[in-house]
Protein backbone atom coordinates (compact mmCIF):
# COMPACT_ATOMS: atom_id res chain seq x y z
CA UNK A 1 0.00 0.00 0.00
CA UNK A 2 1.13 3.55 -0.77
CA UNK A 3 0.20 6.68 1.20
CA UNK A 4 0.62 9.92 -0.73
CA UNK A 5 0.62 12.89 1.62
CA UNK A 6 1.07 16.61 0.95
CA UNK A 7 1.34 19.28 3.64
CA UNK A 8 0.23 22.78 2.65
CA UNK A 9 0.58 26.11 4.45
CA UNK A 10 -2.06 28.43 2.98
CA UNK A 11 -2.00 32.18 3.24
CA UNK A 12 -4.95 33.13 5.44
CA UNK A 13 -6.86 34.99 2.75
CA UNK A 14 -6.56 32.03 0.31
CA UNK A 15 -7.28 29.17 2.71
CA UNK A 16 -10.68 28.35 1.21
CA UNK A 17 -9.31 28.60 -2.34
CA UNK A 18 -6.68 26.02 -1.45
CA UNK A 19 -9.23 23.76 0.24
CA UNK A 20 -11.42 23.95 -2.86
CA UNK A 21 -8.42 23.06 -5.02
CA UNK A 22 -7.58 20.10 -2.81
CA UNK A 23 -11.18 18.91 -3.11
CA UNK A 24 -10.94 19.13 -6.94
CA UNK A 25 -7.72 17.13 -6.82
CA UNK A 26 -9.39 14.51 -4.65
CA UNK A 27 -12.50 14.39 -6.85
CA UNK A 28 -10.29 13.68 -9.87
CA UNK A 29 -8.79 10.77 -7.93
CA UNK A 30 -12.18 9.22 -7.17
CA UNK A 31 -12.84 6.23 -9.38
CA UNK A 32 -9.18 5.75 -10.29
CA UNK A 33 -8.23 2.06 -10.21
CA UNK A 34 -6.29 1.26 -7.07
CA UNK A 35 -7.45 4.26 -5.03
CA UNK A 36 -8.67 3.26 -1.58
CA UNK A 37 -9.27 6.65 0.07
CA UNK A 38 -8.65 10.34 -0.47
CA UNK A 39 -8.93 13.07 2.19
CA UNK A 40 -8.45 16.80 2.65
CA UNK A 41 -7.56 17.38 6.30
CA UNK A 42 -6.94 20.40 8.53
CA UNK A 43 -4.56 20.31 11.47
CA UNK A 44 -6.28 21.43 14.69
CA UNK A 45 -3.16 23.08 16.06
CA UNK A 46 -1.86 25.02 13.06
CA UNK A 47 -2.93 26.53 9.76
CA UNK A 48 -1.67 23.48 7.84
CA UNK A 49 -3.79 21.51 5.41
CA UNK A 50 -2.97 17.90 4.56
CA UNK A 51 -3.90 15.96 1.47
CA UNK A 52 -3.87 12.21 1.98
CA UNK A 53 -4.51 9.55 -0.66
CA UNK A 54 -4.20 5.84 0.02
CA UNK A 55 -3.43 3.67 -2.99
CA UNK A 56 -3.12 -0.07 -3.55
CA UNK A 57 0.40 0.45 -4.92
CA UNK A 58 2.69 2.93 -6.64
CA UNK A 59 1.68 1.74 -10.10
CA UNK A 60 -1.94 2.72 -9.38
CA UNK A 61 -0.83 6.15 -8.18
CA UNK A 62 1.30 6.67 -11.29
CA UNK A 63 -1.62 5.69 -13.54
CA UNK A 64 -3.98 8.17 -11.85
CA UNK A 65 -1.80 11.13 -10.92
CA UNK A 66 -1.91 12.95 -14.26
CA UNK A 67 -5.69 13.35 -14.21
CA UNK A 68 -5.46 14.65 -10.64
CA UNK A 69 -2.76 17.15 -11.55
CA UNK A 70 -4.78 18.26 -14.58
CA UNK A 71 -7.72 19.12 -12.31
CA UNK A 72 -5.64 21.81 -10.56
CA UNK A 73 -3.08 22.74 -13.22
CA UNK A 74 -4.26 26.37 -13.47
CA UNK A 75 -4.52 27.01 -9.73
CA UNK A 76 -2.09 29.75 -8.54
CA UNK A 77 -0.43 27.83 -5.70
CA UNK A 78 2.47 30.29 -5.59
CA UNK A 79 -0.08 32.98 -4.67
CA UNK A 80 -2.14 30.85 -2.27
CA UNK A 81 0.64 29.23 -0.23
CA UNK A 82 3.27 30.54 2.16
CA UNK A 83 5.82 28.15 0.63
CA UNK A 84 6.12 25.02 -1.48
CA UNK A 85 4.08 22.11 -0.13
CA UNK A 86 5.88 19.16 1.37
CA UNK A 87 5.16 15.88 -0.42
CA UNK A 88 5.62 12.38 0.88
CA UNK A 89 5.29 8.91 -0.62
CA UNK A 90 4.89 6.72 2.45
CA UNK A 91 4.76 2.97 2.89
CA UNK A 92 4.39 0.59 5.81
CA UNK A 93 7.63 -0.61 7.35
C-alpha atoms as a PDB file:
ATOM      1  CA  UNK A   1       0.000   0.000   0.000  1.00  0.00           C
ATOM      2  CA  UNK A   2       1.132   3.546  -0.768  1.00  0.00           C
ATOM      3  CA  UNK A   3       0.203   6.678   1.199  1.00  0.00           C
ATOM      4  CA  UNK A   4       0.623   9.916  -0.734  1.00  0.00           C
ATOM      5  CA  UNK A   5       0.623  12.890   1.621  1.00  0.00           C
ATOM      6  CA  UNK A   6       1.067  16.606   0.952  1.00  0.00           C
ATOM      7  CA  UNK A   7       1.337  19.280   3.636  1.00  0.00           C
ATOM      8  CA  UNK A   8       0.227  22.781   2.649  1.00  0.00           C
ATOM      9  CA  UNK A   9       0.581  26.110   4.454  1.00  0.00           C
ATOM     10  CA  UNK A  10      -2.057  28.426   2.977  1.00  0.00           C
ATOM     11  CA  UNK A  11      -1.998  32.179   3.243  1.00  0.00           C
ATOM     12  CA  UNK A  12      -4.946  33.128   5.441  1.00  0.00           C
ATOM     13  CA  UNK A  13      -6.858  34.987   2.746  1.00  0.00           C
ATOM     14  CA  UNK A  14      -6.558  32.033   0.311  1.00  0.00           C
ATOM     15  CA  UNK A  15      -7.281  29.175   2.715  1.00  0.00           C
ATOM     16  CA  UNK A  16     -10.681  28.355   1.208  1.00  0.00           C
ATOM     17  CA  UNK A  17      -9.310  28.604  -2.339  1.00  0.00           C
ATOM     18  CA  UNK A  18      -6.683  26.024  -1.454  1.00  0.00           C
ATOM     19  CA  UNK A  19      -9.228  23.760   0.244  1.00  0.00           C
ATOM     20  CA  UNK A  20     -11.420  23.946  -2.864  1.00  0.00           C
ATOM     21  CA  UNK A  21      -8.416  23.062  -5.020  1.00  0.00           C
ATOM     22  CA  UNK A  22      -7.577  20.096  -2.805  1.00  0.00           C
ATOM     23  CA  UNK A  23     -11.181  18.910  -3.115  1.00  0.00           C
ATOM     24  CA  UNK A  24     -10.938  19.131  -6.937  1.00  0.00           C
ATOM     25  CA  UNK A  25      -7.718  17.127  -6.824  1.00  0.00           C
ATOM     26  CA  UNK A  26      -9.393  14.508  -4.647  1.00  0.00           C
ATOM     27  CA  UNK A  27     -12.500  14.393  -6.849  1.00  0.00           C
ATOM     28  CA  UNK A  28     -10.290  13.683  -9.866  1.00  0.00           C
ATOM     29  CA  UNK A  29      -8.789  10.771  -7.929  1.00  0.00           C
ATOM     30  CA  UNK A  30     -12.181   9.220  -7.173  1.00  0.00           C
ATOM     31  CA  UNK A  31     -12.839   6.226  -9.375  1.00  0.00           C
ATOM     32  CA  UNK A  32      -9.180   5.751 -10.294  1.00  0.00           C
ATOM     33  CA  UNK A  33      -8.232   2.062 -10.210  1.00  0.00           C
ATOM     34  CA  UNK A  34      -6.285   1.258  -7.067  1.00  0.00           C
ATOM     35  CA  UNK A  35      -7.446   4.260  -5.030  1.00  0.00           C
ATOM     36  CA  UNK A  36      -8.671   3.264  -1.579  1.00  0.00           C
ATOM     37  CA  UNK A  37      -9.274   6.648   0.071  1.00  0.00           C
ATOM     38  CA  UNK A  38      -8.650  10.338  -0.465  1.00  0.00           C
ATOM     39  CA  UNK A  39      -8.932  13.066   2.189  1.00  0.00           C
ATOM     40  CA  UNK A  40      -8.449  16.801   2.655  1.00  0.00           C
ATOM     41  CA  UNK A  41      -7.555  17.384   6.302  1.00  0.00           C
ATOM     42  CA  UNK A  42      -6.941  20.404   8.532  1.00  0.00           C
ATOM     43  CA  UNK A  43      -4.563  20.315  11.471  1.00  0.00           C
ATOM     44  CA  UNK A  44      -6.283  21.427  14.688  1.00  0.00           C
ATOM     45  CA  UNK A  45      -3.163  23.081  16.058  1.00  0.00           C
ATOM     46  CA  UNK A  46      -1.862  25.021  13.063  1.00  0.00           C
ATOM     47  CA  UNK A  47      -2.930  26.527   9.756  1.00  0.00           C
ATOM     48  CA  UNK A  48      -1.675  23.478   7.843  1.00  0.00           C
ATOM     49  CA  UNK A  49      -3.793  21.507   5.415  1.00  0.00           C
ATOM     50  CA  UNK A  50      -2.972  17.901   4.561  1.00  0.00           C
ATOM     51  CA  UNK A  51      -3.905  15.964   1.466  1.00  0.00           C
ATOM     52  CA  UNK A  52      -3.869  12.207   1.975  1.00  0.00           C
ATOM     53  CA  UNK A  53      -4.511   9.553  -0.656  1.00  0.00           C
ATOM     54  CA  UNK A  54      -4.202   5.841   0.019  1.00  0.00           C
ATOM     55  CA  UNK A  55      -3.428   3.673  -2.991  1.00  0.00           C
ATOM     56  CA  UNK A  56      -3.119  -0.068  -3.552  1.00  0.00           C
ATOM     57  CA  UNK A  57       0.401   0.447  -4.919  1.00  0.00           C
ATOM     58  CA  UNK A  58       2.688   2.928  -6.637  1.00  0.00           C
ATOM     59  CA  UNK A  59       1.684   1.738 -10.097  1.00  0.00           C
ATOM     60  CA  UNK A  60      -1.941   2.722  -9.383  1.00  0.00           C
ATOM     61  CA  UNK A  61      -0.832   6.151  -8.177  1.00  0.00           C
ATOM     62  CA  UNK A  62       1.296   6.671 -11.288  1.00  0.00           C
ATOM     63  CA  UNK A  63      -1.618   5.691 -13.541  1.00  0.00           C
ATOM     64  CA  UNK A  64      -3.976   8.173 -11.846  1.00  0.00           C
ATOM     65  CA  UNK A  65      -1.796  11.126 -10.925  1.00  0.00           C
ATOM     66  CA  UNK A  66      -1.907  12.946 -14.264  1.00  0.00           C
ATOM     67  CA  UNK A  67      -5.693  13.354 -14.209  1.00  0.00           C
ATOM     68  CA  UNK A  68      -5.461  14.650 -10.639  1.00  0.00           C
ATOM     69  CA  UNK A  69      -2.761  17.150 -11.547  1.00  0.00           C
ATOM     70  CA  UNK A  70      -4.777  18.264 -14.576  1.00  0.00           C
ATOM     71  CA  UNK A  71      -7.722  19.123 -12.305  1.00  0.00           C
ATOM     72  CA  UNK A  72      -5.643  21.808 -10.559  1.00  0.00           C
ATOM     73  CA  UNK A  73      -3.085  22.745 -13.222  1.00  0.00           C
ATOM     74  CA  UNK A  74      -4.256  26.367 -13.466  1.00  0.00           C
ATOM     75  CA  UNK A  75      -4.517  27.010  -9.732  1.00  0.00           C
ATOM     76  CA  UNK A  76      -2.086  29.746  -8.541  1.00  0.00           C
ATOM     77  CA  UNK A  77      -0.428  27.832  -5.701  1.00  0.00           C
ATOM     78  CA  UNK A  78       2.466  30.290  -5.588  1.00  0.00           C
ATOM     79  CA  UNK A  79      -0.079  32.980  -4.671  1.00  0.00           C
ATOM     80  CA  UNK A  80      -2.139  30.853  -2.275  1.00  0.00           C
ATOM     81  CA  UNK A  81       0.637  29.227  -0.230  1.00  0.00           C
ATOM     82  CA  UNK A  82       3.272  30.543   2.156  1.00  0.00           C
ATOM     83  CA  UNK A  83       5.818  28.152   0.631  1.00  0.00           C
ATOM     84  CA  UNK A  84       6.121  25.016  -1.480  1.00  0.00           C
ATOM     85  CA  UNK A  85       4.078  22.114  -0.126  1.00  0.00           C
ATOM     86  CA  UNK A  86       5.884  19.156   1.367  1.00  0.00           C
ATOM     87  CA  UNK A  87       5.156  15.885  -0.418  1.00  0.00           C
ATOM     88  CA  UNK A  88       5.624  12.379   0.883  1.00  0.00           C
ATOM     89  CA  UNK A  89       5.287   8.906  -0.622  1.00  0.00           C
ATOM     90  CA  UNK A  90       4.891   6.718   2.446  1.00  0.00           C
ATOM     91  CA  UNK A  91       4.758   2.969   2.886  1.00  0.00           C
ATOM     92  CA  UNK A  92       4.390   0.594   5.806  1.00  0.00           C
ATOM     93  CA  UNK A  93       7.633  -0.609   7.345  1.00  0.00           C
END
